[in-house]
Amino acid sequence: MATTRKSSTIWNGNLIEGKGRVSLDSSKVGVFDVSWPARSEEPYGVTSPEELIAAAHSACFAMAFSHSLSQAGTPPTQLRTSAEVDFQPGTGITEIRLHVSGEVPGLDAAGFEAAAQSAKEGCPVSQALKAVPIKLMVG
């Protein structure tokens, strides 16, 4: 069964001086301020589309990796994932780095890295972001 998730934004003003609020409508877990300075300079407590992409990618990758490890008979005890999304004003998103470490009983470092690479390729968010180079950092 397919699912649909919804988010919405209300933006006020021009790009540089304006600001907006992003609402996570499906889950109703929060409304977050968003602005150009948070995107192109320092966040100062305000989010950006790139931070939201990083959050989605980190969560999706952790889920995909956990599932693939479990399917292979080596369920993880714990996975720690993070994502970094680089944004260059005037160019756009230029690179994504996924970081992963964790404990997987019965799996050596080479096996962990190979499984992580496979999960990165199969992660739905990775698939959606194929236009951007995605590097996997294990350890």
Protein backbone atom coordinates (compact mmCIF):
# COMPACT_ATOMS: atom_id res chain seq x y z
CA MET A 1 0.00 0.00 0.00
CA ALA A 2 1.42 3.38 -0.98
CA THR A 3 1.57 6.18 1.54
CA THR A 4 1.68 9.94 1.11
CA ARG A 5 3.26 12.37 3.53
CA LYS A 6 2.61 16.08 3.49
CA SER A 7 4.51 19.16 4.50
CA SER A 8 3.72 22.78 3.76
CA THR A 9 5.41 26.17 3.94
CA ILE A 10 4.14 29.71 4.33
CA TRP A 11 6.72 32.23 3.06
CA ASN A 12 6.56 35.98 3.69
CA GLY A 13 8.66 38.54 1.84
CA ASN A 14 11.44 38.29 -0.67
CA LEU A 15 14.12 35.59 -0.70
CA ILE A 16 16.90 37.46 1.12
CA GLU A 17 14.93 39.28 3.83
CA GLY A 18 11.87 37.06 3.99
CA LYS A 19 11.21 34.09 6.16
CA GLY A 20 8.89 31.16 6.35
CA ARG A 21 7.52 28.38 8.47
CA VAL A 22 7.63 24.74 7.42
CA SER A 23 4.94 22.51 8.88
CA LEU A 24 5.20 18.73 9.08
CA ASP A 25 1.54 18.24 8.31
CA SER A 26 1.23 14.45 8.24
CA SER A 27 2.81 13.78 11.61
CA LYS A 28 1.98 17.14 13.16
CA VAL A 29 5.24 16.94 15.14
CA GLY A 30 6.30 20.48 14.50
CA VAL A 31 6.47 23.76 12.68
CA PHE A 32 9.94 25.10 11.95
CA ASP A 33 11.22 28.51 10.93
CA VAL A 34 13.13 28.62 7.62
CA SER A 35 15.09 31.45 6.00
CA TRP A 36 17.67 32.26 3.35
CA PRO A 37 20.37 33.15 5.91
CA ALA A 38 19.85 29.75 7.58
CA ARG A 39 20.43 28.21 4.16
CA SER A 40 23.40 30.26 2.99
CA GLU A 41 25.09 31.39 6.22
CA GLU A 42 24.67 30.20 9.81
CA PRO A 43 21.40 28.64 11.02
CA TYR A 44 21.02 30.49 14.35
CA GLY A 45 18.13 28.28 15.40
CA VAL A 46 16.38 28.33 12.00
CA THR A 47 16.28 25.34 9.63
CA SER A 48 16.81 25.04 5.88
CA PRO A 49 15.65 22.72 3.11
CA GLU A 50 19.10 21.10 3.18
CA GLU A 51 18.86 20.30 6.89
CA LEU A 52 15.45 18.74 6.30
CA ILE A 53 16.89 16.69 3.42
CA ALA A 54 19.76 15.58 5.69
CA ALA A 55 17.27 14.48 8.35
CA ALA A 56 15.21 12.51 5.84
CA HIS A 57 18.29 10.90 4.32
CA SER A 58 19.83 9.94 7.66
CA ALA A 59 16.60 8.32 8.88
CA CYS A 60 15.86 6.54 5.60
CA PHE A 61 19.41 5.18 5.32
CA ALA A 62 19.33 3.88 8.92
CA MET A 63 16.06 2.09 8.21
CA ALA A 64 17.25 0.64 4.88
CA PHE A 65 20.55 -0.53 6.40
CA SER A 66 18.85 -2.10 9.42
CA HIS A 67 16.44 -3.94 7.14
CA SER A 68 19.11 -5.24 4.78
CA LEU A 69 21.28 -6.43 7.68
CA SER A 70 18.31 -8.21 9.27
CA GLN A 71 17.36 -9.81 5.94
CA ALA A 72 20.94 -11.11 5.66
CA GLY A 73 20.70 -12.73 9.11
CA THR A 74 22.89 -10.18 10.91
CA PRO A 75 20.50 -7.77 12.64
CA PRO A 76 22.24 -4.73 14.09
CA THR A 77 22.38 -4.00 17.80
CA GLN A 78 22.65 -0.30 16.97
CA LEU A 79 23.34 1.91 13.95
CA ARG A 80 24.38 5.55 14.20
CA THR A 81 23.82 7.54 11.02
CA SER A 82 24.13 11.16 10.05
CA ALA A 83 23.95 13.08 6.80
CA GLU A 84 25.55 16.31 5.65
CA VAL A 85 24.13 18.21 2.70
CA ASP A 86 26.28 20.89 1.06
CA PHE A 87 24.53 23.90 -0.47
CA GLN A 88 26.32 26.44 -2.65
CA PRO A 89 24.31 29.62 -3.34
CA GLY A 90 23.91 30.06 -7.09
CA THR A 91 24.69 26.39 -7.74
CA GLY A 92 22.46 24.35 -5.44
CA ILE A 93 23.08 21.14 -3.55
CA THR A 94 26.57 19.96 -4.48
CA GLU A 95 27.25 16.90 -2.30
CA ILE A 96 25.78 14.65 0.36
CA ARG A 97 27.80 12.65 2.85
CA LEU A 98 26.26 9.77 4.77
CA HIS A 99 28.11 8.69 7.91
CA VAL A 100 27.45 5.35 9.58
CA SER A 101 28.87 3.33 12.42
CA GLY A 102 27.35 0.67 14.58
CA GLU A 103 27.40 -2.72 16.19
CA VAL A 104 26.44 -5.73 14.11
CA PRO A 105 27.26 -9.06 15.78
CA GLY A 106 28.75 -11.56 13.35
CA LEU A 107 29.78 -8.99 10.74
CA ASP A 108 33.38 -7.85 10.24
CA ALA A 109 34.41 -4.36 9.09
CA ALA A 110 34.57 -5.32 5.39
CA GLY A 111 31.15 -6.92 5.56
CA PHE A 112 29.74 -3.89 7.37
CA GLU A 113 31.09 -1.54 4.70
CA ALA A 114 29.79 -3.69 1.82
CA ALA A 115 26.35 -3.93 3.44
CA ALA A 116 26.31 -0.18 4.07
CA GLN A 117 27.14 0.55 0.43
CA SER A 118 24.34 -1.75 -0.72
CA ALA A 119 21.88 -0.09 1.66
CA LYS A 120 22.91 3.35 0.39
CA GLU A 121 22.12 2.27 -3.17
CA GLY A 122 18.73 0.85 -2.15
CA CYS A 123 17.63 3.62 0.21
CA PRO A 124 14.55 5.36 -1.28
CA VAL A 125 15.84 8.81 -0.35
CA SER A 126 19.22 8.02 -1.96
CA GLN A 127 17.30 6.99 -5.05
CA ALA A 128 15.39 10.29 -5.06
CA LEU A 129 18.62 12.27 -4.69
CA LYS A 130 20.62 10.53 -7.45
CA ALA A 131 21.33 13.85 -9.20
CA VAL A 132 23.72 14.73 -6.34
CA PRO A 133 26.97 12.88 -5.51
CA ILE A 134 26.44 10.84 -2.35
CA LYS A 135 29.52 9.67 -0.45
CA LEU A 136 29.36 6.99 2.20
CA MET A 137 31.67 7.35 5.20
CA VAL A 138 31.92 4.22 7.37
CA GLY A 139 33.43 4.20 10.82
